[in-house]
Amino acid sequence: MADDILLPGQLIPLPRGPAPRLGSGTFSRDAQPRATLVGVPRYDGPVLAITRVRPHPPAPNSTVLGVITRLSPLQATLSITVVDGIPLPAGEEFTGVIRTQDVRATEKDRVKIGDCFRGGDVVRGIVISLGDARSYFVTTARNDLGVIFATSESGGTMEPVSWQEMRCAKTGRIEKRKCAKPDELK
């Protein structure tokens, strides 16, 4: 479903045949139909409209994106802003917790949270379960999960060089992180 979601300004793919009339949630620029809101294209006869996608709270097996807000020796706290590919509305966010035993699948007893995450890192994870009343338990224990965007101590953008290291594009310095395998390296 997330592949069908359009963002504001994005081109709306049209089926073959006569051009549909534009309905709610659409506009035309350069004779191309575009979305005005986050949603899914729907056809009601000859009328094309965008139906708003409602975000939902995380559930077990939801893929989430969030920013690391706090670190302790036993866990990292994550401010969840995207659930299953759908951004949450401004001001609405959920809290996730990545415990040391949920960082990676092997050598769980040797994990040091400070070597895996830093404040401000953007992380992709999967919700394991509902935690306490305030947070969700999240795991990064798969190759495609972990840090997807980070800034170095010197302020440069980081790029992954292995599953546990990132390099600063500005200084070339290596820093430890639990990296998500880039999408283009399937």
N, C-alpha and C. Protein backbone atom coordinates (compact mmCIF):
# COMPACT_ATOMS: atom_id res chain seq x y z
N MET A 1 0.81 -1.19 0.00
CA MET A 1 0.00 0.00 0.00
C MET A 1 0.86 1.26 0.00
N ALA A 2 1.98 1.25 0.73
CA ALA A 2 2.82 2.44 0.83
C ALA A 2 3.35 2.87 -0.53
N ASP A 3 3.45 1.92 -1.50
CA ASP A 3 3.95 2.27 -2.83
C ASP A 3 2.94 3.13 -3.59
N ASP A 4 1.65 3.04 -3.25
CA ASP A 4 0.61 3.79 -3.95
C ASP A 4 0.40 5.18 -3.38
N ILE A 5 0.98 5.47 -2.23
CA ILE A 5 0.76 6.74 -1.55
C ILE A 5 1.49 7.85 -2.30
N LEU A 6 0.75 8.93 -2.55
CA LEU A 6 1.32 10.10 -3.22
C LEU A 6 1.51 11.22 -2.21
N LEU A 7 2.50 12.05 -2.45
CA LEU A 7 2.76 13.22 -1.63
C LEU A 7 2.30 14.47 -2.36
N PRO A 8 2.04 15.57 -1.65
CA PRO A 8 1.61 16.80 -2.32
C PRO A 8 2.60 17.22 -3.41
N GLY A 9 2.06 17.51 -4.59
CA GLY A 9 2.86 17.94 -5.73
C GLY A 9 3.33 16.80 -6.61
N GLN A 10 3.19 15.56 -6.16
CA GLN A 10 3.66 14.41 -6.93
C GLN A 10 2.70 14.13 -8.09
N LEU A 11 3.29 13.71 -9.23
CA LEU A 11 2.49 13.34 -10.40
C LEU A 11 1.60 12.15 -10.09
N ILE A 12 0.38 12.18 -10.61
CA ILE A 12 -0.55 11.07 -10.43
C ILE A 12 -0.49 10.21 -11.69
N PRO A 13 -0.13 8.94 -11.57
CA PRO A 13 -0.09 8.07 -12.75
C PRO A 13 -1.51 7.87 -13.30
N LEU A 14 -1.62 7.96 -14.61
CA LEU A 14 -2.93 7.82 -15.25
C LEU A 14 -3.02 6.51 -16.01
N PRO A 15 -4.21 5.89 -16.01
CA PRO A 15 -4.39 4.68 -16.81
C PRO A 15 -4.52 5.06 -18.29
N ARG A 16 -4.41 4.08 -19.15
CA ARG A 16 -4.61 4.34 -20.58
C ARG A 16 -6.07 4.73 -20.83
N GLY A 17 -6.27 5.47 -21.88
CA GLY A 17 -7.63 5.86 -22.23
C GLY A 17 -7.82 7.34 -22.07
N PRO A 18 -9.08 7.76 -22.08
CA PRO A 18 -9.36 9.20 -21.99
C PRO A 18 -8.95 9.76 -20.62
N ALA A 19 -8.52 11.01 -20.63
CA ALA A 19 -8.08 11.66 -19.39
C ALA A 19 -9.28 11.86 -18.47
N PRO A 20 -9.14 11.50 -17.18
CA PRO A 20 -10.24 11.68 -16.24
C PRO A 20 -10.38 13.15 -15.84
N ARG A 21 -11.54 13.50 -15.31
CA ARG A 21 -11.75 14.82 -14.73
C ARG A 21 -11.08 14.83 -13.36
N LEU A 22 -10.53 15.96 -12.98
CA LEU A 22 -9.86 16.05 -11.69
C LEU A 22 -10.85 16.40 -10.60
N GLY A 23 -10.80 15.63 -9.51
CA GLY A 23 -11.68 15.84 -8.37
C GLY A 23 -10.91 16.35 -7.17
N SER A 24 -11.44 16.09 -5.99
CA SER A 24 -10.83 16.60 -4.75
C SER A 24 -9.44 16.00 -4.53
N GLY A 25 -8.56 16.82 -3.96
CA GLY A 25 -7.21 16.37 -3.66
C GLY A 25 -6.28 16.38 -4.86
N THR A 26 -6.69 17.00 -5.97
CA THR A 26 -5.87 17.03 -7.18
C THR A 26 -5.78 18.44 -7.73
N PHE A 27 -4.78 18.68 -8.56
CA PHE A 27 -4.66 19.91 -9.34
C PHE A 27 -3.84 19.59 -10.57
N SER A 28 -3.82 20.52 -11.52
CA SER A 28 -3.08 20.30 -12.76
C SER A 28 -1.99 21.35 -12.90
N ARG A 29 -0.79 20.91 -13.24
CA ARG A 29 0.32 21.81 -13.54
C ARG A 29 1.01 21.26 -14.77
N ASP A 30 1.21 22.09 -15.77
CA ASP A 30 1.84 21.69 -17.03
C ASP A 30 1.06 20.53 -17.67
N ALA A 31 -0.25 20.58 -17.58
CA ALA A 31 -1.16 19.58 -18.14
C ALA A 31 -0.96 18.19 -17.51
N GLN A 32 -0.37 18.15 -16.32
CA GLN A 32 -0.15 16.89 -15.60
C GLN A 32 -0.93 16.93 -14.29
N PRO A 33 -1.71 15.87 -14.00
CA PRO A 33 -2.44 15.86 -12.72
C PRO A 33 -1.48 15.58 -11.57
N ARG A 34 -1.67 16.31 -10.46
CA ARG A 34 -0.82 16.17 -9.29
C ARG A 34 -1.67 16.12 -8.03
N ALA A 35 -1.09 15.54 -6.98
CA ALA A 35 -1.78 15.43 -5.69
C ALA A 35 -1.61 16.72 -4.90
N THR A 36 -2.65 17.08 -4.13
CA THR A 36 -2.55 18.23 -3.23
C THR A 36 -2.38 17.81 -1.79
N LEU A 37 -2.49 16.50 -1.51
CA LEU A 37 -2.36 16.00 -0.15
C LEU A 37 -1.78 14.61 -0.13
N VAL A 38 -1.37 14.14 1.03
CA VAL A 38 -0.86 12.78 1.16
C VAL A 38 -2.05 11.85 1.04
N GLY A 39 -2.01 10.97 0.04
CA GLY A 39 -3.15 10.07 -0.14
C GLY A 39 -2.96 9.10 -1.28
N VAL A 40 -4.05 8.40 -1.60
CA VAL A 40 -4.06 7.35 -2.61
C VAL A 40 -5.01 7.77 -3.73
N PRO A 41 -4.60 7.61 -5.02
CA PRO A 41 -5.51 7.96 -6.11
C PRO A 41 -6.69 6.98 -6.18
N ARG A 42 -7.88 7.52 -6.41
CA ARG A 42 -9.10 6.73 -6.54
C ARG A 42 -9.89 7.25 -7.74
N TYR A 43 -10.48 6.33 -8.47
CA TYR A 43 -11.32 6.70 -9.61
C TYR A 43 -12.76 6.41 -9.28
N ASP A 44 -13.59 7.41 -9.42
CA ASP A 44 -15.04 7.26 -9.25
C ASP A 44 -15.66 7.59 -10.60
N GLY A 45 -15.77 6.55 -11.45
CA GLY A 45 -16.21 6.77 -12.83
C GLY A 45 -15.14 7.58 -13.56
N PRO A 46 -15.55 8.70 -14.17
CA PRO A 46 -14.57 9.51 -14.91
C PRO A 46 -13.80 10.52 -14.05
N VAL A 47 -14.03 10.50 -12.74
CA VAL A 47 -13.42 11.49 -11.85
C VAL A 47 -12.27 10.87 -11.04
N LEU A 48 -11.12 11.55 -11.10
CA LEU A 48 -9.94 11.14 -10.34
C LEU A 48 -9.86 11.99 -9.08
N ALA A 49 -9.74 11.36 -7.92
CA ALA A 49 -9.62 12.07 -6.64
C ALA A 49 -8.52 11.42 -5.81
N ILE A 50 -8.04 12.15 -4.83
CA ILE A 50 -7.07 11.61 -3.89
C ILE A 50 -7.77 11.42 -2.55
N THR A 51 -7.70 10.20 -2.02
CA THR A 51 -8.28 9.91 -0.72
C THR A 51 -7.18 10.02 0.32
N ARG A 52 -7.42 10.83 1.33
CA ARG A 52 -6.42 11.06 2.38
C ARG A 52 -6.13 9.75 3.11
N VAL A 53 -4.84 9.53 3.36
CA VAL A 53 -4.40 8.36 4.11
C VAL A 53 -4.29 8.78 5.58
N ARG A 54 -4.96 8.05 6.41
CA ARG A 54 -4.92 8.34 7.85
C ARG A 54 -3.79 7.55 8.49
N PRO A 55 -2.91 8.25 9.20
CA PRO A 55 -1.85 7.52 9.90
C PRO A 55 -2.46 6.69 11.02
N HIS A 56 -1.80 5.62 11.36
CA HIS A 56 -2.27 4.78 12.46
C HIS A 56 -1.13 4.61 13.45
N PRO A 57 -1.47 4.34 14.70
CA PRO A 57 -0.39 4.14 15.66
C PRO A 57 0.40 2.88 15.35
N PRO A 58 1.63 2.81 15.80
CA PRO A 58 2.42 1.60 15.55
C PRO A 58 1.76 0.37 16.16
N ALA A 59 1.94 -0.75 15.49
CA ALA A 59 1.46 -2.04 15.98
C ALA A 59 2.60 -3.03 15.81
N PRO A 60 2.55 -4.19 16.44
CA PRO A 60 3.61 -5.17 16.21
C PRO A 60 3.80 -5.42 14.72
N ASN A 61 5.05 -5.47 14.28
CA ASN A 61 5.50 -5.65 12.90
C ASN A 61 5.38 -4.39 12.05
N SER A 62 5.00 -3.25 12.61
CA SER A 62 5.02 -1.98 11.86
C SER A 62 6.46 -1.55 11.65
N THR A 63 6.78 -1.09 10.45
CA THR A 63 8.09 -0.49 10.19
C THR A 63 8.00 0.98 10.56
N VAL A 64 8.94 1.44 11.36
CA VAL A 64 8.90 2.82 11.83
C VAL A 64 10.22 3.52 11.52
N LEU A 65 10.12 4.84 11.36
CA LEU A 65 11.29 5.70 11.26
C LEU A 65 11.20 6.70 12.39
N GLY A 66 12.34 7.01 12.97
CA GLY A 66 12.33 7.98 14.05
C GLY A 66 13.72 8.51 14.32
N VAL A 67 13.79 9.45 15.23
CA VAL A 67 15.04 10.11 15.59
C VAL A 67 15.40 9.73 17.02
N ILE A 68 16.66 9.38 17.23
CA ILE A 68 17.15 9.06 18.57
C ILE A 68 17.16 10.34 19.40
N THR A 69 16.45 10.31 20.54
CA THR A 69 16.36 11.50 21.39
C THR A 69 17.12 11.36 22.69
N ARG A 70 17.33 10.11 23.15
CA ARG A 70 17.99 9.91 24.44
C ARG A 70 18.70 8.57 24.44
N LEU A 71 19.86 8.53 25.09
CA LEU A 71 20.63 7.29 25.21
C LEU A 71 20.92 7.00 26.67
N SER A 72 20.89 5.72 27.00
CA SER A 72 21.35 5.27 28.31
C SER A 72 22.17 4.01 28.05
N PRO A 73 22.87 3.48 29.03
CA PRO A 73 23.66 2.28 28.78
C PRO A 73 22.83 1.07 28.34
N LEU A 74 21.54 1.04 28.70
CA LEU A 74 20.70 -0.12 28.39
C LEU A 74 19.74 0.07 27.24
N GLN A 75 19.51 1.31 26.81
CA GLN A 75 18.53 1.52 25.74
C GLN A 75 18.69 2.87 25.06
N ALA A 76 18.11 2.96 23.86
CA ALA A 76 18.03 4.22 23.12
C ALA A 76 16.55 4.56 22.97
N THR A 77 16.23 5.83 23.15
CA THR A 77 14.84 6.28 23.00
C THR A 77 14.68 6.91 21.62
N LEU A 78 13.59 6.54 20.97
CA LEU A 78 13.33 6.92 19.58
C LEU A 78 12.03 7.71 19.50
N SER A 79 12.05 8.87 18.87
CA SER A 79 10.84 9.63 18.61
C SER A 79 10.32 9.20 17.24
N ILE A 80 9.26 8.40 17.22
CA ILE A 80 8.73 7.82 15.98
C ILE A 80 7.91 8.87 15.23
N THR A 81 8.26 9.10 13.95
CA THR A 81 7.56 10.10 13.14
C THR A 81 6.92 9.53 11.88
N VAL A 82 7.29 8.29 11.49
CA VAL A 82 6.73 7.65 10.30
C VAL A 82 6.36 6.21 10.67
N VAL A 83 5.14 5.80 10.34
CA VAL A 83 4.68 4.44 10.63
C VAL A 83 4.23 3.80 9.32
N ASP A 84 4.85 2.69 8.95
CA ASP A 84 4.52 1.97 7.71
C ASP A 84 4.50 2.89 6.50
N GLY A 85 5.49 3.78 6.42
CA GLY A 85 5.64 4.66 5.27
C GLY A 85 4.75 5.89 5.28
N ILE A 86 3.93 6.06 6.31
CA ILE A 86 3.01 7.21 6.37
C ILE A 86 3.49 8.16 7.46
N PRO A 87 3.84 9.41 7.08
CA PRO A 87 4.27 10.39 8.08
C PRO A 87 3.13 10.72 9.03
N LEU A 88 3.48 10.89 10.29
CA LEU A 88 2.48 11.29 11.27
C LEU A 88 2.25 12.79 11.16
N PRO A 89 1.04 13.26 11.48
CA PRO A 89 0.79 14.71 11.42
C PRO A 89 1.71 15.47 12.36
N ALA A 90 1.95 16.74 12.04
CA ALA A 90 2.82 17.57 12.88
C ALA A 90 2.29 17.58 14.31
N GLY A 91 3.20 17.41 15.25
CA GLY A 91 2.81 17.41 16.65
C GLY A 91 2.40 16.05 17.19
N GLU A 92 2.16 15.09 16.31
CA GLU A 92 1.81 13.75 16.77
C GLU A 92 3.01 12.84 16.59
N GLU A 93 3.43 12.23 17.65
CA GLU A 93 4.56 11.30 17.57
C GLU A 93 4.40 10.26 18.66
N PHE A 94 5.12 9.17 18.47
CA PHE A 94 5.11 8.09 19.44
C PHE A 94 6.55 7.86 19.90
N THR A 95 6.70 7.24 21.06
CA THR A 95 8.03 6.97 21.59
C THR A 95 8.33 5.49 21.47
N GLY A 96 9.53 5.18 20.97
CA GLY A 96 9.99 3.81 20.88
C GLY A 96 11.24 3.63 21.73
N VAL A 97 11.47 2.41 22.17
CA VAL A 97 12.65 2.09 22.96
C VAL A 97 13.37 0.93 22.27
N ILE A 98 14.66 1.12 22.01
CA ILE A 98 15.51 0.05 21.46
C ILE A 98 16.40 -0.41 22.60
N ARG A 99 16.14 -1.60 23.12
CA ARG A 99 16.93 -2.16 24.22
C ARG A 99 18.19 -2.82 23.66
N THR A 100 19.21 -2.99 24.49
CA THR A 100 20.47 -3.58 24.03
C THR A 100 20.24 -4.94 23.38
N GLN A 101 19.34 -5.76 23.92
CA GLN A 101 19.10 -7.09 23.36
C GLN A 101 18.35 -7.05 22.03
N ASP A 102 17.83 -5.87 21.63
CA ASP A 102 17.08 -5.75 20.38
C ASP A 102 17.85 -5.03 19.28
N VAL A 103 19.12 -4.69 19.52
CA VAL A 103 19.91 -3.95 18.53
C VAL A 103 20.33 -4.84 17.38
N ARG A 104 20.83 -6.04 17.68
CA ARG A 104 21.27 -6.95 16.63
C ARG A 104 20.95 -8.38 17.02
N ALA A 105 21.01 -9.27 16.03
CA ALA A 105 20.58 -10.65 16.23
C ALA A 105 21.64 -11.51 16.91
N THR A 106 22.92 -11.15 16.77
CA THR A 106 24.00 -11.95 17.36
C THR A 106 24.77 -11.14 18.39
N GLU A 107 25.49 -11.82 19.24
CA GLU A 107 26.32 -11.19 20.28
C GLU A 107 25.56 -10.10 21.04
N LYS A 108 24.34 -10.42 21.42
CA LYS A 108 23.49 -9.44 22.10
C LYS A 108 24.08 -8.94 23.41
N ASP A 109 24.83 -9.80 24.08
CA ASP A 109 25.41 -9.43 25.37
C ASP A 109 26.60 -8.48 25.23
N ARG A 110 27.11 -8.27 24.03
CA ARG A 110 28.27 -7.40 23.83
C ARG A 110 27.88 -6.03 23.26
N VAL A 111 26.60 -5.77 23.10
CA VAL A 111 26.13 -4.51 22.51
C VAL A 111 26.35 -3.35 23.48
N LYS A 112 26.93 -2.27 22.96
CA LYS A 112 27.05 -1.02 23.70
C LYS A 112 26.22 0.01 22.94
N ILE A 113 25.19 0.52 23.59
CA ILE A 113 24.26 1.45 22.92
C ILE A 113 25.01 2.65 22.33
N GLY A 114 26.01 3.18 23.05
CA GLY A 114 26.77 4.33 22.56
C GLY A 114 27.57 4.05 21.30
N ASP A 115 27.86 2.77 21.02
CA ASP A 115 28.57 2.40 19.79
C ASP A 115 27.60 2.14 18.64
N CYS A 116 26.30 2.14 18.91
CA CYS A 116 25.30 1.82 17.89
C CYS A 116 24.50 3.03 17.44
N PHE A 117 24.25 3.96 18.35
CA PHE A 117 23.40 5.12 18.05
C PHE A 117 23.97 6.36 18.73
N ARG A 118 23.61 7.51 18.17
CA ARG A 118 23.92 8.81 18.78
C ARG A 118 22.66 9.65 18.69
N GLY A 119 22.56 10.63 19.55
CA GLY A 119 21.41 11.54 19.50
C GLY A 119 21.30 12.20 18.14
N GLY A 120 20.10 12.25 17.59
CA GLY A 120 19.86 12.86 16.28
C GLY A 120 19.91 11.89 15.12
N ASP A 121 20.39 10.66 15.33
CA ASP A 121 20.41 9.66 14.25
C ASP A 121 18.98 9.33 13.83
N VAL A 122 18.78 9.15 12.54
CA VAL A 122 17.49 8.68 12.03
C VAL A 122 17.59 7.17 11.87
N VAL A 123 16.64 6.45 12.47
CA VAL A 123 16.71 5.00 12.55
C VAL A 123 15.46 4.37 11.95
N ARG A 124 15.67 3.26 11.21
CA ARG A 124 14.56 2.42 10.73
C ARG A 124 14.51 1.19 11.63
N GLY A 125 13.32 0.88 12.13
CA GLY A 125 13.16 -0.29 13.00
C GLY A 125 11.80 -0.93 12.80
N ILE A 126 11.59 -2.03 13.50
CA ILE A 126 10.30 -2.72 13.47
C ILE A 126 9.80 -2.84 14.90
N VAL A 127 8.53 -2.53 15.09
CA VAL A 127 7.93 -2.63 16.42
C VAL A 127 7.81 -4.10 16.80
N ILE A 128 8.36 -4.46 17.95
CA ILE A 128 8.27 -5.83 18.46
C ILE A 128 6.96 -5.99 19.24
N SER A 129 6.71 -5.02 20.12
CA SER A 129 5.52 -5.10 20.96
C SER A 129 5.24 -3.74 21.57
N LEU A 130 4.07 -3.65 22.16
CA LEU A 130 3.75 -2.46 22.93
C LEU A 130 4.54 -2.56 24.22
N GLY A 131 5.22 -1.49 24.58
CA GLY A 131 6.02 -1.51 25.80
C GLY A 131 5.14 -1.15 26.97
N ASP A 132 5.57 -0.17 27.73
CA ASP A 132 4.72 0.29 28.82
C ASP A 132 3.71 1.29 28.25
N ALA A 133 3.05 2.03 29.11
CA ALA A 133 1.99 2.94 28.65
C ALA A 133 2.53 4.08 27.79
N ARG A 134 3.84 4.33 27.82
CA ARG A 134 4.39 5.49 27.12
C ARG A 134 5.18 5.15 25.87
N SER A 135 5.52 3.89 25.63
CA SER A 135 6.43 3.61 24.53
C SER A 135 6.21 2.23 23.91
N TYR A 136 6.86 2.03 22.76
CA TYR A 136 6.83 0.77 22.02
C TYR A 136 8.24 0.19 22.02
N PHE A 137 8.35 -1.15 22.07
CA PHE A 137 9.65 -1.77 21.94
C PHE A 137 9.94 -1.95 20.45
N VAL A 138 11.13 -1.51 20.03
CA VAL A 138 11.52 -1.51 18.62
C VAL A 138 12.81 -2.32 18.48
N THR A 139 12.95 -3.06 17.37
CA THR A 139 14.17 -3.81 17.10
C THR A 139 14.85 -3.29 15.84
N THR A 140 16.18 -3.42 15.83
CA THR A 140 16.97 -3.13 14.63
C THR A 140 17.79 -4.37 14.26
N ALA A 141 17.34 -5.54 14.73
CA ALA A 141 18.11 -6.79 14.59
C ALA A 141 17.90 -7.47 13.24
N ARG A 142 17.93 -6.71 12.17
CA ARG A 142 17.96 -7.24 10.81
C ARG A 142 18.91 -6.37 10.01
N ASN A 143 19.42 -6.91 8.90
CA ASN A 143 20.39 -6.15 8.10
C ASN A 143 19.82 -4.84 7.56
N ASP A 144 18.53 -4.81 7.21
CA ASP A 144 17.95 -3.60 6.61
C ASP A 144 17.45 -2.60 7.66
N LEU A 145 17.71 -2.87 8.93
CA LEU A 145 17.27 -1.99 10.01
C LEU A 145 18.48 -1.37 10.71
N GLY A 146 18.28 -0.17 11.22
CA GLY A 146 19.35 0.54 11.93
C GLY A 146 19.40 1.98 11.49
N VAL A 147 20.56 2.61 11.66
CA VAL A 147 20.74 4.02 11.32
C VAL A 147 20.71 4.19 9.81
N ILE A 148 19.84 5.09 9.32
CA ILE A 148 19.78 5.37 7.88
C ILE A 148 20.30 6.77 7.56
N PHE A 149 20.39 7.63 8.57
CA PHE A 149 20.94 8.97 8.37
C PHE A 149 21.58 9.42 9.68
N ALA A 150 22.79 9.95 9.57
CA ALA A 150 23.48 10.43 10.77
C ALA A 150 24.35 11.62 10.41
N THR A 151 24.61 12.43 11.41
CA THR A 151 25.52 13.56 11.29
C THR A 151 26.70 13.29 12.20
N SER A 152 27.90 13.56 11.72
CA SER A 152 29.11 13.28 12.50
C SER A 152 29.28 14.31 13.61
N GLU A 153 30.26 14.05 14.48
CA GLU A 153 30.57 14.99 15.56
C GLU A 153 30.99 16.35 15.02
N SER A 154 31.56 16.37 13.80
CA SER A 154 31.99 17.63 13.20
C SER A 154 30.89 18.28 12.35
N GLY A 155 29.70 17.65 12.31
CA GLY A 155 28.57 18.25 11.59
C GLY A 155 28.40 17.80 10.16
N GLY A 156 29.24 16.88 9.68
CA GLY A 156 29.12 16.39 8.31
C GLY A 156 28.16 15.22 8.19
N THR A 157 27.65 15.01 6.99
CA THR A 157 26.76 13.87 6.73
C THR A 157 27.58 12.59 6.72
N MET A 158 27.02 11.55 7.34
CA MET A 158 27.71 10.27 7.44
C MET A 158 27.21 9.33 6.34
N GLU A 159 28.13 8.46 5.87
CA GLU A 159 27.75 7.43 4.90
C GLU A 159 28.22 6.08 5.43
N PRO A 160 27.40 5.03 5.26
CA PRO A 160 27.79 3.72 5.81
C PRO A 160 28.97 3.13 5.04
N VAL A 161 29.89 2.51 5.79
CA VAL A 161 31.01 1.80 5.17
C VAL A 161 30.97 0.31 5.53
N SER A 162 30.25 -0.04 6.59
CA SER A 162 30.03 -1.44 6.97
C SER A 162 28.77 -1.47 7.84
N TRP A 163 28.41 -2.62 8.33
CA TRP A 163 27.19 -2.71 9.14
C TRP A 163 27.35 -2.05 10.50
N GLN A 164 28.61 -1.74 10.89
CA GLN A 164 28.82 -1.12 12.19
C GLN A 164 29.66 0.16 12.16
N GLU A 165 29.90 0.71 10.97
CA GLU A 165 30.68 1.94 10.88
C GLU A 165 30.14 2.87 9.81
N MET A 166 30.26 4.18 10.08
CA MET A 166 29.91 5.21 9.11
C MET A 166 31.08 6.18 9.01
N ARG A 167 31.25 6.78 7.82
CA ARG A 167 32.35 7.71 7.57
C ARG A 167 31.76 9.10 7.35
N CYS A 168 32.41 10.10 7.94
CA CYS A 168 32.02 11.49 7.74
C CYS A 168 32.48 11.93 6.35
N ALA A 169 31.55 12.44 5.55
CA ALA A 169 31.88 12.89 4.19
C ALA A 169 32.79 14.12 4.22
N LYS A 170 32.75 14.88 5.31
CA LYS A 170 33.53 16.11 5.41
C LYS A 170 34.97 15.84 5.87
N THR A 171 35.14 15.01 6.89
CA THR A 171 36.47 14.80 7.46
C THR A 171 37.06 13.43 7.14
N GLY A 172 36.24 12.47 6.74
CA GLY A 172 36.71 11.12 6.48
C GLY A 172 36.85 10.28 7.74
N ARG A 173 36.49 10.84 8.88
CA ARG A 173 36.61 10.14 10.16
C ARG A 173 35.54 9.05 10.28
N ILE A 174 35.91 7.92 10.84
CA ILE A 174 35.00 6.78 11.03
C ILE A 174 34.37 6.86 12.42
N GLU A 175 33.05 6.63 12.49
CA GLU A 175 32.34 6.55 13.77
C GLU A 175 31.53 5.28 13.79
N LYS A 176 31.34 4.71 14.98
CA LYS A 176 30.57 3.48 15.12
C LYS A 176 29.07 3.78 15.10
N ARG A 177 28.31 2.93 14.39
CA ARG A 177 26.85 2.97 14.35
C ARG A 177 26.36 1.58 13.98
N LYS A 178 25.11 1.27 14.30
CA LYS A 178 24.47 0.04 13.82
C LYS A 178 23.75 0.46 12.54
N CYS A 179 24.39 0.28 11.40
CA CYS A 179 23.89 0.79 10.12
C CYS A 179 22.84 -0.13 9.50
N ALA A 180 21.86 0.50 8.84
CA ALA A 180 20.92 -0.26 8.03
C ALA A 180 21.57 -0.45 6.67
N LYS A 181 21.43 -1.65 6.12
CA LYS A 181 21.96 -1.91 4.79
C LYS A 181 21.22 -1.01 3.81
N PRO A 182 21.94 -0.22 3.00
CA PRO A 182 21.26 0.66 2.05
C PRO A 182 20.32 -0.10 1.11
N ASP A 183 19.18 0.52 0.76
CA ASP A 183 18.18 -0.12 -0.10
C ASP A 183 18.76 -0.54 -1.44
N GLU A 184 19.71 0.23 -1.99
CA GLU A 184 20.25 -0.08 -3.31
C GLU A 184 21.19 -1.28 -3.31
N LEU A 185 21.57 -1.80 -2.15
CA LEU A 185 22.44 -2.97 -2.04
C LEU A 185 21.63 -4.20 -1.65
N LYS A 186 20.74 -4.64 -2.48
CA LYS A 186 19.88 -5.79 -2.16
C LYS A 186 20.61 -7.08 -2.17
